[in-house]
Amino acid sequence: MSRTLRKLFKVDPADYMMSICGNDALRELSSPGKSGFFYLTNDDRYMIKTMKKSEVKVLLRMLPAYYNHVRAFENTLVTKFFGLHCVKLTGATQRKVRFVIMGNLFCSEYPIPRRSSHGRTTIKPEAEIDENTTLKDLDLNFIFRLQKSWFQEFHRQVDRDCEFLEQERIMDYSLLVGVHFREASASQETDVPCDVNNTNEPTPRLSRADMDQFLCDPTRWASIKLGANMPARVELIVRRTDGESLLIMEPTGEFTDVILYFGIIDILQDYDISKKLEHAYKSIQYDPTSISAVDPKQYSKRFRDFIYKVFTEET
């Protein structure tokens, strides 16, 4: 099945083997969670993640449905899987290490100083944020504005992907977003509170008219797709508290041109007995709507409700 998926995703076998098994060493990445160790190939095309046995079972169970879904919807935002492997370590323990090979969402010619995972809630101090930090919902200080046709396709595809994950009893997934900030004008540079120090090479700034022309020019369509290399705008927001409410987003009218990369990640957690027990236990202590361990149908609705607040149509 892995070979069939790679063929579907138009992966050249020789290039794939060179990326994974070539002489260049893999780069270990810091993991924002406890789901395993992450490694990046030297060419940035593939990410390798160690897996728990339970995750392997979920992936094998959902593989036929996953294949049918990614074959039916070329613009799917769910993680692209290219291979599932297991090696047995030598020595006294002879432990098995299971790992999956996935596409790297941020394989890009552009530096991506901001990365945000929507579906998780934390607040991180600004001083602790760098280009390797993955921010969460409550760290969010932007609304993403998509051109009309792209927003409509985004809305349709998120619905399709969430329906697929709901059918497979998957929950606790996130939308991972990478943001490349285009060179701002002098009047905007002091207004955008984002670290762009690593964008050393100047990049052209698109006006709204230029961006519309870029999106409507058929000769340039090959360079962009849903979730990859997408020109858009972000509007700065401020968060306000209202009693016990944690997140009220107020637009400021301050815009910046960006290029977006995004996809749905962490799609191997099913709503098993342990998650049902976690839901029952945490529901006694906390508001049931605020915990992540919920029924896949409820999680899907909550996920989409939030995503459609932070991704909106350009007006």
Protein backbone atom coordinates (compact mmCIF):
# COMPACT_ATOMS: atom_id res chain seq x y z
CA MET A 1 0.00 0.00 0.00
CA SER A 2 2.88 2.42 0.73
CA ARG A 3 4.20 2.00 -2.81
CA THR A 4 0.70 2.61 -4.17
CA LEU A 5 0.38 5.81 -2.12
CA ARG A 6 3.74 7.09 -3.33
CA LYS A 7 2.68 6.45 -6.90
CA LEU A 8 -0.59 8.28 -6.26
CA PHE A 9 1.31 11.25 -4.82
CA LYS A 10 3.66 11.20 -7.85
CA VAL A 11 6.79 10.47 -5.79
CA ASP A 12 9.79 9.34 -7.85
CA PRO A 13 11.11 6.07 -6.29
CA ALA A 14 14.78 6.93 -6.83
CA ASP A 15 14.45 10.44 -5.37
CA TYR A 16 12.51 9.03 -2.43
CA MET A 17 15.20 6.49 -1.60
CA MET A 18 17.93 9.12 -1.89
CA SER A 19 16.07 11.42 0.49
CA ILE A 20 15.45 8.73 3.10
CA CYS A 21 18.50 6.48 2.73
CA GLY A 22 21.12 8.79 1.23
CA ASN A 23 24.43 9.77 2.81
CA ASP A 24 23.06 13.00 4.29
CA ALA A 25 22.12 12.76 7.96
CA LEU A 26 18.59 13.32 9.21
CA ARG A 27 17.89 16.36 11.37
CA GLU A 28 16.11 15.81 14.66
CA LEU A 29 13.34 18.28 15.45
CA SER A 30 12.03 19.30 18.83
CA SER A 31 8.58 17.78 19.32
CA PRO A 32 5.81 20.09 20.58
CA GLY A 33 3.98 17.10 22.06
CA LYS A 34 4.60 13.63 23.44
CA SER A 35 3.66 11.67 20.34
CA GLY A 36 7.18 10.64 19.31
CA PHE A 37 10.48 11.82 17.88
CA PHE A 38 10.59 13.79 14.64
CA TYR A 39 13.32 13.83 12.00
CA LEU A 40 13.61 15.84 8.80
CA THR A 41 15.40 14.71 5.65
CA ASN A 42 18.23 16.88 4.41
CA ASP A 43 16.23 18.07 1.39
CA ASP A 44 13.30 19.07 3.67
CA ARG A 45 10.84 17.00 1.63
CA TYR A 46 9.99 14.30 4.18
CA MET A 47 9.41 14.09 7.91
CA ILE A 48 9.99 10.86 9.83
CA LYS A 49 8.11 10.26 13.07
CA THR A 50 8.45 7.41 15.53
CA MET A 51 5.11 5.84 16.40
CA LYS A 52 3.40 4.06 19.23
CA LYS A 53 1.96 0.61 18.53
CA SER A 54 -1.55 2.00 18.98
CA GLU A 55 -0.94 4.61 16.26
CA VAL A 56 0.29 1.92 13.87
CA LYS A 57 -2.89 -0.07 14.46
CA VAL A 58 -5.04 2.98 13.72
CA LEU A 59 -3.15 3.76 10.52
CA LEU A 60 -3.39 0.17 9.27
CA ARG A 61 -7.08 0.06 10.09
CA MET A 62 -7.91 3.29 8.26
CA LEU A 63 -5.48 2.80 5.35
CA PRO A 64 -8.05 1.60 2.74
CA ALA A 65 -10.40 4.48 3.54
CA TYR A 66 -7.45 6.90 3.64
CA TYR A 67 -6.32 5.78 0.18
CA ASN A 68 -9.81 6.22 -1.26
CA HIS A 69 -10.08 9.68 0.30
CA VAL A 70 -6.75 11.07 -0.95
CA ARG A 71 -7.39 9.55 -4.38
CA ALA A 72 -10.84 11.18 -4.59
CA PHE A 73 -9.71 14.61 -3.35
CA GLU A 74 -6.42 15.82 -4.77
CA ASN A 75 -6.51 18.95 -2.60
CA THR A 76 -7.00 17.06 0.65
CA LEU A 77 -5.36 18.73 3.65
CA VAL A 78 -4.81 15.56 5.68
CA THR A 79 -1.25 14.38 6.27
CA LYS A 80 0.35 12.62 3.30
CA PHE A 81 1.79 9.24 4.33
CA PHE A 82 4.52 7.74 2.13
CA GLY A 83 5.72 4.76 4.13
CA LEU A 84 5.26 2.77 7.34
CA HIS A 85 8.22 0.79 8.63
CA CYS A 86 9.47 -1.17 11.63
CA VAL A 87 13.08 -1.99 12.58
CA LYS A 88 14.32 -4.22 15.37
CA LEU A 89 17.25 -2.84 17.34
CA THR A 90 20.14 -5.13 18.18
CA GLY A 91 21.30 -5.58 21.73
CA ALA A 92 19.86 -6.89 24.97
CA THR A 93 16.44 -5.23 24.63
CA GLN A 94 15.92 -5.90 20.91
CA ARG A 95 13.26 -3.20 20.97
CA LYS A 96 11.12 -2.56 17.89
CA VAL A 97 11.03 0.98 16.53
CA ARG A 98 8.06 1.84 14.35
CA PHE A 99 8.12 4.95 12.21
CA VAL A 100 6.09 6.61 9.49
CA ILE A 101 7.32 8.81 6.63
CA MET A 102 5.20 11.86 5.90
CA GLY A 103 5.34 14.88 3.65
CA ASN A 104 6.83 18.03 5.16
CA LEU A 105 4.21 20.80 5.02
CA PHE A 106 6.91 23.47 5.20
CA CYS A 107 9.12 22.32 2.33
CA SER A 108 9.45 25.76 0.78
CA GLU A 109 11.87 28.24 -0.73
CA TYR A 110 10.53 30.80 1.73
CA PRO A 111 11.52 31.12 5.40
CA ILE A 112 8.56 30.49 7.72
CA PRO A 113 9.04 32.46 10.95
CA ARG A 114 5.57 31.69 12.34
CA ARG A 115 3.99 28.25 12.82
CA SER A 116 0.67 27.74 14.53
CA SER A 117 -1.25 24.58 15.41
CA HIS A 118 -4.99 25.18 15.76
CA GLY A 119 -6.79 22.63 17.88
CA ARG A 120 -4.57 23.03 20.96
CA THR A 121 -4.78 25.79 23.57
CA THR A 122 -1.82 27.42 25.32
CA ILE A 123 -0.46 30.91 25.81
CA LYS A 124 3.29 31.31 25.19
CA PRO A 125 5.25 34.46 26.16
CA GLU A 126 6.48 36.46 23.16
CA ALA A 127 10.08 36.22 24.44
CA GLU A 128 9.96 32.42 24.09
CA ILE A 129 8.84 32.47 20.43
CA ASP A 130 11.31 31.81 17.61
CA GLU A 131 11.15 30.36 14.08
CA ASN A 132 11.05 26.79 15.48
CA THR A 133 8.19 27.44 17.91
CA THR A 134 4.79 25.94 17.16
CA LEU A 135 2.14 28.29 18.54
CA LYS A 136 -1.34 27.23 19.67
CA ASP A 137 -4.88 28.64 19.55
CA LEU A 138 -4.53 31.18 22.34
CA ASP A 139 -1.25 32.46 20.89
CA LEU A 140 -3.05 33.43 17.70
CA ASN A 141 -3.03 37.14 16.88
CA PHE A 142 -4.08 37.04 13.21
CA ILE A 143 -7.12 36.35 11.06
CA PHE A 144 -6.26 34.77 7.69
CA ARG A 145 -8.00 36.36 4.69
CA LEU A 146 -8.25 34.15 1.58
CA GLN A 147 -9.25 35.20 -1.92
CA LYS A 148 -12.88 34.20 -2.62
CA SER A 149 -12.32 31.15 -4.84
CA TRP A 150 -9.60 29.79 -2.55
CA PHE A 151 -11.72 30.34 0.57
CA GLN A 152 -14.61 28.44 -1.00
CA GLU A 153 -12.32 25.53 -1.92
CA PHE A 154 -10.75 25.65 1.56
CA HIS A 155 -14.19 25.49 3.18
CA ARG A 156 -15.28 22.55 1.01
CA GLN A 157 -12.07 20.61 1.60
CA VAL A 158 -12.03 21.10 5.37
CA ASP A 159 -15.60 19.80 5.46
CA ARG A 160 -14.65 16.74 3.39
CA ASP A 161 -11.56 15.98 5.47
CA CYS A 162 -13.39 16.39 8.78
CA GLU A 163 -16.20 14.14 7.60
CA PHE A 164 -13.62 11.49 6.66
CA LEU A 165 -11.89 11.74 10.05
CA GLU A 166 -15.24 11.64 11.83
CA GLN A 167 -16.20 8.47 9.95
CA GLU A 168 -12.89 6.90 10.97
CA ARG A 169 -13.52 7.83 14.64
CA ILE A 170 -10.48 10.15 14.73
CA MET A 171 -10.22 13.11 17.11
CA ASP A 172 -7.62 15.44 18.64
CA TYR A 173 -6.21 16.54 15.27
CA SER A 174 -4.99 20.05 14.45
CA LEU A 175 -4.55 22.43 11.54
CA LEU A 176 -0.85 23.27 11.30
CA VAL A 177 -0.24 26.65 9.62
CA GLY A 178 3.06 28.13 8.43
CA VAL A 179 3.22 31.83 7.60
CA HIS A 180 5.83 33.59 5.45
CA PHE A 181 5.56 37.36 5.81
CA ARG A 182 6.23 39.33 2.65
CA GLU A 183 8.32 42.46 2.91
CA ALA A 184 6.15 45.09 4.57
CA SER A 185 6.06 48.75 3.68
CA ALA A 186 7.75 51.20 5.98
CA SER A 187 4.42 52.18 7.53
CA GLN A 188 3.60 48.56 8.35
CA GLU A 189 6.94 47.37 9.69
CA THR A 190 6.40 48.91 13.11
CA ASP A 191 2.84 47.57 13.34
CA VAL A 192 3.27 43.84 12.77
CA PRO A 193 4.44 42.10 15.97
CA CYS A 194 6.13 39.16 14.26
CA ASP A 195 9.74 38.05 14.08
CA VAL A 196 10.87 38.47 10.49
CA ASN A 197 14.57 38.85 11.21
CA ASN A 198 15.42 35.66 9.33
CA THR A 199 13.92 36.93 6.06
CA ASN A 200 17.20 38.42 4.94
CA GLU A 201 16.53 38.40 1.23
CA PRO A 202 13.94 40.95 0.09
CA THR A 203 10.77 39.55 -1.45
CA PRO A 204 8.32 41.45 -3.66
CA ARG A 205 5.19 42.74 -1.96
CA LEU A 206 1.93 42.08 -3.79
CA SER A 207 -0.81 44.67 -3.85
CA ARG A 208 -4.40 43.38 -3.65
CA ALA A 209 -4.74 43.87 -7.42
CA ASP A 210 -1.45 42.07 -8.05
CA MET A 211 -2.49 39.22 -5.78
CA ASP A 212 -5.84 38.82 -7.59
CA GLN A 213 -3.99 38.79 -10.91
CA PHE A 214 -1.53 36.23 -9.55
CA LEU A 215 -4.36 33.94 -8.46
CA CYS A 216 -6.26 34.28 -11.75
CA ASP A 217 -3.27 33.80 -14.09
CA PRO A 218 -3.43 30.19 -15.39
CA THR A 219 0.33 30.18 -16.11
CA ARG A 220 1.01 30.53 -12.36
CA TRP A 221 -1.49 28.00 -11.04
CA ALA A 222 1.14 25.23 -11.04
CA SER A 223 3.14 27.07 -8.38
CA ILE A 224 0.27 27.27 -5.85
CA LYS A 225 -2.28 24.84 -4.49
CA LEU A 226 -4.59 24.61 -1.54
CA GLY A 227 -2.39 24.61 1.55
CA ALA A 228 0.90 25.29 -0.24
CA ASN A 229 2.48 28.50 -1.52
CA MET A 230 -0.85 30.36 -1.18
CA PRO A 231 -0.80 34.17 -1.36
CA ALA A 232 -3.13 35.65 1.25
CA ARG A 233 -3.41 38.47 3.74
CA VAL A 234 -3.44 38.40 7.52
CA GLU A 235 -5.22 40.93 9.71
CA LEU A 236 -3.79 41.69 13.12
CA ILE A 237 -6.20 41.07 15.98
CA VAL A 238 -6.20 41.74 19.69
CA ARG A 239 -7.50 39.27 22.24
CA ARG A 240 -9.87 40.48 24.90
CA THR A 241 -11.36 38.71 27.89
CA ASP A 242 -15.05 38.83 28.70
CA GLY A 243 -15.67 37.39 32.14
CA GLU A 244 -14.50 33.78 31.98
CA SER A 245 -14.23 33.77 28.18
CA LEU A 246 -10.66 33.22 27.01
CA LEU A 247 -10.67 34.32 23.40
CA ILE A 248 -12.53 37.24 21.85
CA MET A 249 -10.83 38.30 18.63
CA GLU A 250 -11.13 41.95 17.65
CA PRO A 251 -9.80 42.92 14.17
CA THR A 252 -7.58 46.00 14.05
CA GLY A 253 -7.67 46.77 10.31
CA GLU A 254 -3.90 46.26 10.02
CA PHE A 255 -3.05 43.91 7.13
CA THR A 256 0.10 42.15 5.92
CA ASP A 257 0.67 40.15 2.73
CA VAL A 258 1.75 36.56 3.43
CA ILE A 259 2.24 33.16 1.85
CA LEU A 260 0.50 30.31 3.68
CA TYR A 261 1.26 26.63 4.13
CA PHE A 262 -1.18 24.48 6.08
CA GLY A 263 -2.51 20.96 6.58
CA ILE A 264 -4.36 18.74 9.06
CA ILE A 265 -1.95 16.79 11.27
CA ASP A 266 -2.08 14.29 14.17
CA ILE A 267 -4.79 12.16 12.54
CA LEU A 268 -3.95 8.86 14.25
CA GLN A 269 -5.75 9.26 17.58
CA ASP A 270 -9.00 7.33 17.60
CA TYR A 271 -11.73 7.69 20.19
CA ASP A 272 -10.87 4.49 22.03
CA ILE A 273 -11.74 3.36 25.54
CA SER A 274 -8.87 5.35 27.10
CA LYS A 275 -10.14 8.58 25.50
CA LYS A 276 -13.70 7.81 26.59
CA LEU A 277 -12.50 7.35 30.17
CA GLU A 278 -10.45 10.55 29.91
CA HIS A 279 -13.54 12.39 28.70
CA ALA A 280 -15.64 11.07 31.58
CA TYR A 281 -12.98 11.96 34.17
CA LYS A 282 -12.20 15.46 32.87
CA SER A 283 -15.88 16.29 32.35
CA ILE A 284 -16.28 16.12 36.14
CA GLN A 285 -13.47 18.62 36.73
CA TYR A 286 -13.76 20.95 33.72
CA ASP A 287 -16.25 22.31 31.21
CA PRO A 288 -16.89 19.34 28.84
CA THR A 289 -16.76 21.69 25.82
CA SER A 290 -13.21 22.79 26.67
CA ILE A 291 -11.47 19.40 26.74
CA SER A 292 -9.94 17.71 23.69
CA ALA A 293 -11.02 14.15 24.53
CA VAL A 294 -14.51 14.30 23.04
CA ASP A 295 -16.58 12.28 20.60
CA PRO A 296 -15.26 12.62 16.98
CA LYS A 297 -18.50 14.25 15.84
CA GLN A 298 -18.33 16.89 18.55
CA TYR A 299 -14.60 17.39 17.95
CA SER A 300 -15.16 17.84 14.21
CA LYS A 301 -17.82 20.50 14.79
CA ARG A 302 -15.68 22.37 17.33
CA PHE A 303 -12.64 22.19 15.06
CA ARG A 304 -14.53 23.60 12.06
CA ASP A 305 -16.25 26.30 14.09
CA PHE A 306 -12.89 27.62 15.22
CA ILE A 307 -11.17 27.29 11.83
CA TYR A 308 -13.93 29.24 10.08
CA LYS A 309 -13.44 32.07 12.56
CA VAL A 310 -9.74 32.49 11.84
CA PHE A 311 -9.91 31.76 8.09
CA THR A 312 -12.28 34.12 6.33
CA GLU A 313 -13.04 35.36 2.81
CA GLU A 314 -11.23 38.45 1.57
CA THR A 315 -13.67 41.34 1.14
